[in-house]
Structures are given as structure tokens and as C-alpha cells.
PDB file of all heavy atoms in Angstrom:
ATOM      1  N   GLU A   1      -1.917 -13.953  33.868  1.00  0.00           N
ATOM      2  CA  GLU A   1      -3.320 -13.675  34.128  1.00  0.00           C
ATOM      3  C   GLU A   1      -4.004 -13.308  32.844  1.00  0.00           C
ATOM      4  O   GLU A   1      -3.437 -12.603  31.992  1.00  0.00           O
ATOM      5  CB  GLU A   1      -3.419 -12.482  35.108  1.00  0.00           C
ATOM      6  CG  GLU A   1      -2.860 -12.776  36.501  1.00  0.00           C
ATOM      7  CD  GLU A   1      -3.639 -13.836  37.261  1.00  0.00           C
ATOM      8  OE1 GLU A   1      -4.864 -13.931  36.991  1.00  0.00           O
ATOM      9  OE2 GLU A   1      -3.051 -14.546  38.070  1.00  0.00           O
ATOM     10  N   VAL A   2      -5.248 -13.801  32.698  1.00  0.00           N
ATOM     11  CA  VAL A   2      -5.982 -13.535  31.443  1.00  0.00           C
ATOM     12  C   VAL A   2      -7.177 -12.728  31.767  1.00  0.00           C
ATOM     13  O   VAL A   2      -7.771 -12.800  32.918  1.00  0.00           O
ATOM     14  CB  VAL A   2      -6.395 -14.869  30.732  1.00  0.00           C
ATOM     15  CG1 VAL A   2      -5.170 -15.623  30.326  1.00  0.00           C
ATOM     16  CG2 VAL A   2      -7.265 -15.715  31.673  1.00  0.00           C
ATOM     17  N   ASP A   3      -7.628 -11.969  30.772  1.00  0.00           N
ATOM     18  CA  ASP A   3      -8.846 -11.189  30.893  1.00  0.00           C
ATOM     19  C   ASP A   3     -10.026 -12.126  30.669  1.00  0.00           C
ATOM     20  O   ASP A   3     -10.179 -12.702  29.580  1.00  0.00           O
ATOM     21  CB  ASP A   3      -8.864 -10.029  29.839  1.00  0.00           C
ATOM     22  CG  ASP A   3     -10.029  -9.122  30.072  1.00  0.00           C
ATOM     23  OD1 ASP A   3     -10.852  -9.350  30.991  1.00  0.00           O
ATOM     24  OD2 ASP A   3     -10.188  -8.170  29.237  1.00  0.00           O
ATOM     25  N   LEU A   4     -10.842 -12.290  31.667  1.00  0.00           N
ATOM     26  CA  LEU A   4     -11.961 -13.234  31.585  1.00  0.00           C
ATOM     27  C   LEU A   4     -13.155 -12.675  30.754  1.00  0.00           C
ATOM     28  O   LEU A   4     -14.062 -13.414  30.532  1.00  0.00           O
ATOM     29  CB  LEU A   4     -12.471 -13.558  33.044  1.00  0.00           C
ATOM     30  CG  LEU A   4     -11.450 -14.257  33.957  1.00  0.00           C
ATOM     31  CD1 LEU A   4     -12.018 -14.580  35.239  1.00  0.00           C
ATOM     32  CD2 LEU A   4     -10.914 -15.510  33.295  1.00  0.00           C
ATOM     33  N   ALA A   5     -13.023 -11.434  30.323  1.00  0.00           N
ATOM     34  CA  ALA A   5     -14.054 -10.901  29.466  1.00  0.00           C
ATOM     35  C   ALA A   5     -14.010 -11.476  28.089  1.00  0.00           C
ATOM     36  O   ALA A   5     -12.879 -11.714  27.558  1.00  0.00           O
ATOM     37  CB  ALA A   5     -13.974  -9.369  29.420  1.00  0.00           C
ATOM     38  N   THR A   6     -15.090 -11.744  27.439  1.00  0.00           N
ATOM     39  CA  THR A   6     -15.114 -12.365  26.158  1.00  0.00           C
ATOM     40  C   THR A   6     -14.725 -11.323  25.098  1.00  0.00           C
ATOM     41  O   THR A   6     -15.235 -10.179  25.125  1.00  0.00           O
ATOM     42  CB  THR A   6     -16.498 -12.893  25.805  1.00  0.00           C
ATOM     43  OG1 THR A   6     -16.898 -13.857  26.797  1.00  0.00           O
ATOM     44  CG2 THR A   6     -16.548 -13.567  24.431  1.00  0.00           C
ATOM     45  N   PRO A   7     -13.814 -11.656  24.200  1.00  0.00           N
ATOM     46  CA  PRO A   7     -13.433 -10.686  23.147  1.00  0.00           C
ATOM     47  C   PRO A   7     -14.619 -10.292  22.242  1.00  0.00           C
ATOM     48  O   PRO A   7     -15.505 -11.129  22.055  1.00  0.00           O
ATOM     49  CB  PRO A   7     -12.325 -11.442  22.350  1.00  0.00           C
ATOM     50  CG  PRO A   7     -11.871 -12.556  23.260  1.00  0.00           C
ATOM     51  CD  PRO A   7     -13.046 -12.900  24.110  1.00  0.00           C
ATOM     52  N   VAL A   8     -14.551  -9.085  21.727  1.00  0.00           N
ATOM     53  CA  VAL A   8     -15.604  -8.605  20.845  1.00  0.00           C
ATOM     54  C   VAL A   8     -15.130  -8.769  19.374  1.00  0.00           C
ATOM     55  O   VAL A   8     -14.051  -8.371  19.049  1.00  0.00           O
ATOM     56  CB  VAL A   8     -15.936  -7.151  21.168  1.00  0.00           C
ATOM     57  CG1 VAL A   8     -16.989  -6.623  20.187  1.00  0.00           C
ATOM     58  CG2 VAL A   8     -16.324  -6.984  22.592  1.00  0.00           C
ATOM     59  N   PHE A   9     -16.003  -9.365  18.543  1.00  0.00           N
ATOM     60  CA  PHE A   9     -15.605  -9.654  17.198  1.00  0.00           C
ATOM     61  C   PHE A   9     -15.250  -8.397  16.420  1.00  0.00           C
ATOM     62  O   PHE A   9     -14.207  -8.353  15.718  1.00  0.00           O
ATOM     63  CB  PHE A   9     -16.729 -10.417  16.502  1.00  0.00           C
ATOM     64  CG  PHE A   9     -16.540 -10.472  14.970  1.00  0.00           C
ATOM     65  CD1 PHE A   9     -15.593 -11.371  14.447  1.00  0.00           C
ATOM     66  CD2 PHE A   9     -17.240  -9.618  14.123  1.00  0.00           C
ATOM     67  CE1 PHE A   9     -15.417 -11.402  13.065  1.00  0.00           C
ATOM     68  CE2 PHE A   9     -17.028  -9.695  12.750  1.00  0.00           C
ATOM     69  CZ  PHE A   9     -16.094 -10.603  12.256  1.00  0.00           C
ATOM     70  N   ALA A  10     -16.090  -7.353  16.510  1.00  0.00           N
ATOM     71  CA  ALA A  10     -15.896  -6.159  15.688  1.00  0.00           C
ATOM     72  C   ALA A  10     -14.488  -5.519  15.949  1.00  0.00           C
ATOM     73  O   ALA A  10     -13.802  -5.178  15.030  1.00  0.00           O
ATOM     74  CB  ALA A  10     -16.995  -5.178  15.955  1.00  0.00           C
ATOM     75  N   SER A  11     -14.132  -5.389  17.219  1.00  0.00           N
ATOM     76  CA  SER A  11     -12.852  -4.781  17.579  1.00  0.00           C
ATOM     77  C   SER A  11     -11.673  -5.675  17.099  1.00  0.00           C
ATOM     78  O   SER A  11     -10.682  -5.132  16.578  1.00  0.00           O
ATOM     79  CB  SER A  11     -12.750  -4.468  19.035  1.00  0.00           C
ATOM     80  OG  SER A  11     -12.913  -5.658  19.834  1.00  0.00           O
ATOM     81  N   SER A  12     -11.782  -6.972  17.316  1.00  0.00           N
ATOM     82  CA  SER A  12     -10.736  -7.908  16.890  1.00  0.00           C
ATOM     83  C   SER A  12     -10.553  -7.903  15.400  1.00  0.00           C
ATOM     84  O   SER A  12      -9.458  -7.941  14.893  1.00  0.00           O
ATOM     85  CB  SER A  12     -10.993  -9.302  17.436  1.00  0.00           C
ATOM     86  OG  SER A  12     -10.970  -9.326  18.831  1.00  0.00           O
ATOM     87  N   TYR A  13     -11.680  -7.849  14.713  1.00  0.00           N
ATOM     88  CA  TYR A  13     -11.646  -7.866  13.209  1.00  0.00           C
ATOM     89  C   TYR A  13     -11.012  -6.617  12.679  1.00  0.00           C
ATOM     90  O   TYR A  13     -10.181  -6.612  11.757  1.00  0.00           O
ATOM     91  CB  TYR A  13     -13.047  -8.084  12.695  1.00  0.00           C
ATOM     92  CG  TYR A  13     -13.149  -8.088  11.197  1.00  0.00           C
ATOM     93  CD1 TYR A  13     -12.455  -9.092  10.426  1.00  0.00           C
ATOM     94  CD2 TYR A  13     -13.956  -7.210  10.467  1.00  0.00           C
ATOM     95  CE1 TYR A  13     -12.543  -9.167   9.087  1.00  0.00           C
ATOM     96  CE2 TYR A  13     -14.037  -7.237   9.094  1.00  0.00           C
ATOM     97  CZ  TYR A  13     -13.340  -8.253   8.374  1.00  0.00           C
ATOM     98  OH  TYR A  13     -13.402  -8.298   7.032  1.00  0.00           O
ATOM     99  N   ASN A  14     -11.390  -5.469  13.259  1.00  0.00           N
ATOM    100  CA  ASN A  14     -10.759  -4.215  12.828  1.00  0.00           C
ATOM    101  C   ASN A  14      -9.249  -4.163  13.099  1.00  0.00           C
ATOM    102  O   ASN A  14      -8.475  -3.676  12.272  1.00  0.00           O
ATOM    103  CB  ASN A  14     -11.459  -3.000  13.482  1.00  0.00           C
ATOM    104  CG  ASN A  14     -12.896  -2.786  12.968  1.00  0.00           C
ATOM    105  OD1 ASN A  14     -13.184  -3.146  11.821  1.00  0.00           O
ATOM    106  ND2 ASN A  14     -13.757  -2.245  13.768  1.00  0.00           N
ATOM    107  N   LEU A  15      -8.901  -4.659  14.277  1.00  0.00           N
ATOM    108  CA  LEU A  15      -7.433  -4.736  14.579  1.00  0.00           C
ATOM    109  C   LEU A  15      -6.722  -5.583  13.569  1.00  0.00           C
ATOM    110  O   LEU A  15      -5.622  -5.214  13.130  1.00  0.00           O
ATOM    111  CB  LEU A  15      -7.238  -5.302  15.997  1.00  0.00           C
ATOM    112  CG  LEU A  15      -7.351  -4.356  17.183  1.00  0.00           C
ATOM    113  CD1 LEU A  15      -7.229  -5.107  18.494  1.00  0.00           C
ATOM    114  CD2 LEU A  15      -6.258  -3.277  17.108  1.00  0.00           C
ATOM    115  N   ALA A  16      -7.293  -6.735  13.222  1.00  0.00           N
ATOM    116  CA  ALA A  16      -6.645  -7.617  12.310  1.00  0.00           C
ATOM    117  C   ALA A  16      -6.439  -6.949  10.900  1.00  0.00           C
ATOM    118  O   ALA A  16      -5.401  -7.092  10.329  1.00  0.00           O
ATOM    119  CB  ALA A  16      -7.490  -8.908  12.189  1.00  0.00           C
ATOM    120  N   LYS A  17      -7.445  -6.265  10.447  1.00  0.00           N
ATOM    121  CA  LYS A  17      -7.365  -5.600   9.150  1.00  0.00           C
ATOM    122  C   LYS A  17      -6.354  -4.419   9.158  1.00  0.00           C
ATOM    123  O   LYS A  17      -5.706  -4.070   8.176  1.00  0.00           O
ATOM    124  CB  LYS A  17      -8.693  -5.133   8.684  1.00  0.00           C
ATOM    125  CG  LYS A  17      -9.683  -6.254   8.325  1.00  0.00           C
ATOM    126  CD  LYS A  17     -10.999  -5.710   7.838  1.00  0.00           C
ATOM    127  CE  LYS A  17     -10.865  -4.974   6.518  1.00  0.00           C
ATOM    128  NZ  LYS A  17     -12.171  -4.564   6.000  1.00  0.00           N
ATOM    129  N   GLN A  18      -6.218  -3.810  10.333  1.00  0.00           N
ATOM    130  CA  GLN A  18      -5.282  -2.690  10.465  1.00  0.00           C
ATOM    131  C   GLN A  18      -3.866  -3.081  10.710  1.00  0.00           C
ATOM    132  O   GLN A  18      -2.964  -2.415  10.285  1.00  0.00           O
ATOM    133  CB  GLN A  18      -5.723  -1.762  11.627  1.00  0.00           C
ATOM    134  CG  GLN A  18      -7.039  -1.084  11.409  1.00  0.00           C
ATOM    135  CD  GLN A  18      -7.530  -0.342  12.627  1.00  0.00           C
ATOM    136  OE1 GLN A  18      -6.852  -0.253  13.642  1.00  0.00           O
ATOM    137  NE2 GLN A  18      -8.810   0.121  12.552  1.00  0.00           N
ATOM    138  N   ASN A  19      -3.686  -4.233  11.385  1.00  0.00           N
ATOM    139  CA  ASN A  19      -2.357  -4.647  11.857  1.00  0.00           C
ATOM    140  C   ASN A  19      -1.766  -5.863  11.269  1.00  0.00           C
ATOM    141  O   ASN A  19      -0.554  -6.079  11.328  1.00  0.00           O
ATOM    142  CB  ASN A  19      -2.357  -4.781  13.347  1.00  0.00           C
ATOM    143  CG  ASN A  19      -2.708  -3.509  14.109  1.00  0.00           C
ATOM    144  OD1 ASN A  19      -2.351  -2.444  13.650  1.00  0.00           O
ATOM    145  ND2 ASN A  19      -3.408  -3.606  15.214  1.00  0.00           N
ATOM    146  N   GLN A  20      -2.617  -6.769  10.725  1.00  0.00           N
ATOM    147  CA  GLN A  20      -2.054  -8.072  10.283  1.00  0.00           C
ATOM    148  C   GLN A  20      -1.125  -7.874   9.148  1.00  0.00           C
ATOM    149  O   GLN A  20      -1.526  -7.360   8.032  1.00  0.00           O
ATOM    150  CB  GLN A  20      -3.161  -9.047   9.927  1.00  0.00           C
ATOM    151  CG  GLN A  20      -2.659 -10.483   9.826  1.00  0.00           C
ATOM    152  CD  GLN A  20      -3.730 -11.457   9.441  1.00  0.00           C
ATOM    153  OE1 GLN A  20      -3.843 -11.823   8.309  1.00  0.00           O
ATOM    154  NE2 GLN A  20      -4.426 -11.922  10.470  1.00  0.00           N
ATOM    155  N   PRO A  21       0.169  -8.252   9.221  1.00  0.00           N
ATOM    156  CA  PRO A  21       1.111  -7.986   8.180  1.00  0.00           C
ATOM    157  C   PRO A  21       0.793  -8.652   6.845  1.00  0.00           C
ATOM    158  O   PRO A  21       1.040  -8.064   5.789  1.00  0.00           O
ATOM    159  CB  PRO A  21       2.418  -8.528   8.752  1.00  0.00           C
ATOM    160  CG  PRO A  21       2.222  -8.539  10.242  1.00  0.00           C
ATOM    161  CD  PRO A  21       0.763  -8.780  10.428  1.00  0.00           C
ATOM    162  N   ASP A  22       0.248  -9.846   6.935  1.00  0.00           N
ATOM    163  CA  ASP A  22      -0.088 -10.568   5.644  1.00  0.00           C
ATOM    164  C   ASP A  22      -1.093  -9.822   4.823  1.00  0.00           C
ATOM    165  O   ASP A  22      -0.981  -9.740   3.618  1.00  0.00           O
ATOM    166  CB  ASP A  22      -0.619 -11.949   5.998  1.00  0.00           C
ATOM    167  CG  ASP A  22       0.418 -12.787   6.754  1.00  0.00           C
ATOM    168  OD1 ASP A  22       1.622 -12.495   6.626  1.00  0.00           O
ATOM    169  OD2 ASP A  22       0.014 -13.687   7.495  1.00  0.00           O
ATOM    170  N   TYR A  23      -2.067  -9.266   5.493  1.00  0.00           N
ATOM    171  CA  TYR A  23      -3.121  -8.502   4.835  1.00  0.00           C
ATOM    172  C   TYR A  23      -2.560  -7.203   4.260  1.00  0.00           C
ATOM    173  O   TYR A  23      -2.777  -6.874   3.077  1.00  0.00           O
ATOM    174  CB  TYR A  23      -4.243  -8.228   5.791  1.00  0.00           C
ATOM    175  CG  TYR A  23      -5.437  -7.439   5.199  1.00  0.00           C
ATOM    176  CD1 TYR A  23      -6.269  -8.047   4.267  1.00  0.00           C
ATOM    177  CD2 TYR A  23      -5.740  -6.124   5.557  1.00  0.00           C
ATOM    178  CE1 TYR A  23      -7.339  -7.349   3.735  1.00  0.00           C
ATOM    179  CE2 TYR A  23      -6.795  -5.438   5.065  1.00  0.00           C
ATOM    180  CZ  TYR A  23      -7.607  -6.089   4.102  1.00  0.00           C
ATOM    181  OH  TYR A  23      -8.667  -5.386   3.518  1.00  0.00           O
ATOM    182  N   LEU A  24      -1.762  -6.482   5.023  1.00  0.00           N
ATOM    183  CA  LEU A  24      -1.193  -5.230   4.557  1.00  0.00           C
ATOM    184  C   LEU A  24      -0.221  -5.489   3.432  1.00  0.00           C
ATOM    185  O   LEU A  24      -0.151  -4.692   2.469  1.00  0.00           O
ATOM    186  CB  LEU A  24      -0.506  -4.502   5.709  1.00  0.00           C
ATOM    187  CG  LEU A  24      -1.413  -4.104   6.877  1.00  0.00           C
ATOM    188  CD1 LEU A  24      -0.599  -3.475   8.041  1.00  0.00           C
ATOM    189  CD2 LEU A  24      -2.497  -3.149   6.408  1.00  0.00           C
ATOM    190  N   SER A  25       0.579  -6.577   3.529  1.00  0.00           N
ATOM    191  CA  SER A  25       1.542  -6.919   2.485  1.00  0.00           C
ATOM    192  C   SER A  25       0.837  -7.201   1.171  1.00  0.00           C
ATOM    193  O   SER A  25       1.263  -6.820   0.072  1.00  0.00           O
ATOM    194  CB  SER A  25       2.383  -8.119   2.924  1.00  0.00           C
ATOM    195  OG  SER A  25       3.296  -8.470   1.912  1.00  0.00           O
ATOM    196  N   LEU A  26      -0.307  -7.881   1.278  1.00  0.00           N
ATOM    197  CA  LEU A  26      -1.039  -8.187   0.019  1.00  0.00           C
ATOM    198  C   LEU A  26      -1.611  -6.876  -0.619  1.00  0.00           C
ATOM    199  O   LEU A  26      -1.765  -6.806  -1.829  1.00  0.00           O
ATOM    200  CB  LEU A  26      -2.112  -9.216   0.291  1.00  0.00           C
ATOM    201  CG  LEU A  26      -2.749  -9.919  -0.922  1.00  0.00           C
ATOM    202  CD1 LEU A  26      -1.691 -10.493  -1.857  1.00  0.00           C
ATOM    203  CD2 LEU A  26      -3.718 -10.972  -0.490  1.00  0.00           C
ATOM    204  N   GLN A  27      -2.012  -5.953   0.242  1.00  0.00           N
ATOM    205  CA  GLN A  27      -2.427  -4.658  -0.312  1.00  0.00           C
ATOM    206  C   GLN A  27      -1.320  -3.978  -1.106  1.00  0.00           C
ATOM    207  O   GLN A  27      -1.554  -3.428  -2.173  1.00  0.00           O
ATOM    208  CB  GLN A  27      -2.869  -3.732   0.816  1.00  0.00           C
ATOM    209  CG  GLN A  27      -4.231  -4.158   1.461  1.00  0.00           C
ATOM    210  CD  GLN A  27      -4.632  -3.165   2.563  1.00  0.00           C
ATOM    211  OE1 GLN A  27      -3.817  -2.680   3.291  1.00  0.00           O
ATOM    212  NE2 GLN A  27      -5.942  -2.984   2.735  1.00  0.00           N
ATOM    213  N   PHE A  28      -0.105  -4.034  -0.592  1.00  0.00           N
ATOM    214  CA  PHE A  28       1.045  -3.451  -1.309  1.00  0.00           C
ATOM    215  C   PHE A  28       1.307  -4.283  -2.552  1.00  0.00           C
ATOM    216  O   PHE A  28       1.735  -3.718  -3.568  1.00  0.00           O
ATOM    217  CB  PHE A  28       2.284  -3.465  -0.422  1.00  0.00           C
ATOM    218  CG  PHE A  28       2.220  -2.422   0.639  1.00  0.00           C
ATOM    219  CD1 PHE A  28       2.590  -2.682   1.970  1.00  0.00           C
ATOM    220  CD2 PHE A  28       1.790  -1.114   0.350  1.00  0.00           C
ATOM    221  CE1 PHE A  28       2.588  -1.724   2.937  1.00  0.00           C
ATOM    222  CE2 PHE A  28       1.745  -0.137   1.340  1.00  0.00           C
ATOM    223  CZ  PHE A  28       2.160  -0.434   2.629  1.00  0.00           C
ATOM    224  N   ALA A  29       1.061  -5.557  -2.536  1.00  0.00           N
ATOM    225  CA  ALA A  29       1.281  -6.386  -3.745  1.00  0.00           C
ATOM    226  C   ALA A  29       0.273  -5.986  -4.827  1.00  0.00           C
ATOM    227  O   ALA A  29       0.622  -5.993  -6.017  1.00  0.00           O
ATOM    228  CB  ALA A  29       1.074  -7.875  -3.380  1.00  0.00           C
ATOM    229  N   VAL A  30      -0.929  -5.599  -4.433  1.00  0.00           N
ATOM    230  CA  VAL A  30      -1.910  -5.058  -5.404  1.00  0.00           C
ATOM    231  C   VAL A  30      -1.377  -3.810  -6.050  1.00  0.00           C
ATOM    232  O   VAL A  30      -1.481  -3.606  -7.280  1.00  0.00           O
ATOM    233  CB  VAL A  30      -3.296  -4.875  -4.733  1.00  0.00           C
ATOM    234  CG1 VAL A  30      -4.218  -4.111  -5.665  1.00  0.00           C
ATOM    235  CG2 VAL A  30      -3.889  -6.227  -4.371  1.00  0.00           C
ATOM    236  N   GLU A  31      -0.828  -2.914  -5.202  1.00  0.00           N
ATOM    237  CA  GLU A  31      -0.259  -1.653  -5.721  1.00  0.00           C
ATOM    238  C   GLU A  31       0.892  -1.938  -6.674  1.00  0.00           C
ATOM    239  O   GLU A  31       1.036  -1.290  -7.724  1.00  0.00           O
ATOM    240  CB  GLU A  31       0.188  -0.764  -4.588  1.00  0.00           C
ATOM    241  CG  GLU A  31      -0.926  -0.284  -3.694  1.00  0.00           C
ATOM    242  CD  GLU A  31      -1.973   0.505  -4.481  1.00  0.00           C
ATOM    243  OE1 GLU A  31      -1.634   1.308  -5.318  1.00  0.00           O
ATOM    244  OE2 GLU A  31      -3.195   0.242  -4.235  1.00  0.00           O
ATOM    245  N   GLN A  32       1.728  -2.935  -6.348  1.00  0.00           N
ATOM    246  CA  GLN A  32       2.817  -3.280  -7.275  1.00  0.00           C
ATOM    247  C   GLN A  32       2.257  -3.779  -8.632  1.00  0.00           C
ATOM    248  O   GLN A  32       2.783  -3.470  -9.699  1.00  0.00           O
ATOM    249  CB  GLN A  32       3.717  -4.358  -6.630  1.00  0.00           C
ATOM    250  CG  GLN A  32       4.556  -3.841  -5.530  1.00  0.00           C
ATOM    251  CD  GLN A  32       5.445  -4.948  -4.953  1.00  0.00           C
ATOM    252  OE1 GLN A  32       4.983  -6.083  -4.745  1.00  0.00           O
ATOM    253  NE2 GLN A  32       6.689  -4.656  -4.682  1.00  0.00           N
ATOM    254  N   ALA A  33       1.150  -4.581  -8.547  1.00  0.00           N
ATOM    255  CA  ALA A  33       0.597  -5.119  -9.784  1.00  0.00           C
ATOM    256  C   ALA A  33       0.004  -3.964 -10.602  1.00  0.00           C
ATOM    257  O   ALA A  33       0.064  -4.029 -11.844  1.00  0.00           O
ATOM    258  CB  ALA A  33      -0.480  -6.133  -9.417  1.00  0.00           C
ATOM    259  N   LYS A  34      -0.521  -2.986  -9.973  1.00  0.00           N
ATOM    260  CA  LYS A  34      -1.052  -1.796 -10.688  1.00  0.00           C
ATOM    261  C   LYS A  34       0.086  -1.104 -11.430  1.00  0.00           C
ATOM    262  O   LYS A  34      -0.094  -0.606 -12.597  1.00  0.00           O
ATOM    263  CB  LYS A  34      -1.798  -0.854  -9.715  1.00  0.00           C
ATOM    264  CG  LYS A  34      -3.094  -1.379  -9.220  1.00  0.00           C
ATOM    265  CD  LYS A  34      -3.755  -0.401  -8.283  1.00  0.00           C
ATOM    266  CE  LYS A  34      -5.088  -0.883  -7.758  1.00  0.00           C
ATOM    267  NZ  LYS A  34      -5.738   0.037  -6.809  1.00  0.00           N
ATOM    268  N   LEU A  35       1.231  -0.959 -10.759  1.00  0.00           N
ATOM    269  CA  LEU A  35       2.385  -0.375 -11.464  1.00  0.00           C
ATOM    270  C   LEU A  35       2.827  -1.205 -12.652  1.00  0.00           C
ATOM    271  O   LEU A  35       3.214  -0.667 -13.703  1.00  0.00           O
ATOM    272  CB  LEU A  35       3.535  -0.208 -10.464  1.00  0.00           C
ATOM    273  CG  LEU A  35       3.346   0.860  -9.335  1.00  0.00           C
ATOM    274  CD1 LEU A  35       4.505   0.770  -8.349  1.00  0.00           C
ATOM    275  CD2 LEU A  35       3.247   2.239  -9.937  1.00  0.00           C
ATOM    276  N   ASP A  36       2.784  -2.545 -12.471  1.00  0.00           N
ATOM    277  CA  ASP A  36       3.170  -3.432 -13.574  1.00  0.00           C
ATOM    278  C   ASP A  36       2.222  -3.214 -14.782  1.00  0.00           C
ATOM    279  O   ASP A  36       2.656  -3.277 -15.950  1.00  0.00           O
ATOM    280  CB  ASP A  36       3.145  -4.891 -13.127  1.00  0.00           C
ATOM    281  CG  ASP A  36       4.248  -5.170 -12.095  1.00  0.00           C
ATOM    282  OD1 ASP A  36       5.178  -4.403 -12.058  1.00  0.00           O
ATOM    283  OD2 ASP A  36       4.111  -6.176 -11.369  1.00  0.00           O
ATOM    284  N   VAL A  37       0.915  -3.065 -14.469  1.00  0.00           N
ATOM    285  CA  VAL A  37      -0.046  -2.845 -15.544  1.00  0.00           C
ATOM    286  C   VAL A  37       0.274  -1.521 -16.281  1.00  0.00           C
ATOM    287  O   VAL A  37       0.246  -1.402 -17.521  1.00  0.00           O
ATOM    288  CB  VAL A  37      -1.467  -2.798 -14.971  1.00  0.00           C
ATOM    289  CG1 VAL A  37      -2.509  -2.246 -16.079  1.00  0.00           C
ATOM    290  CG2 VAL A  37      -1.861  -4.179 -14.538  1.00  0.00           C
TER     291      VAL A  37
END
């Protein structure tokens, strides 16, 4: 069964930035690069 309500962009976008592993991993890659500097 699916929720027939249309998803809200703001909530989905915030979830993606908080949970998407690729985005979080790249943030850690930036921190690694700062250590290299």
C-alpha cells in the first residue's frame, strides 16, 4: 500500500542531506583533506 499524499520537497530534501550516505561521506572526505593540508 502506498501513501497517496504527494511528498513535500522540503522534508525530503532535508532527509536526504541528513541521511544520504554519499553526501555524509563526502563531508568526511573534506575533513580528511583539511587534515592533509
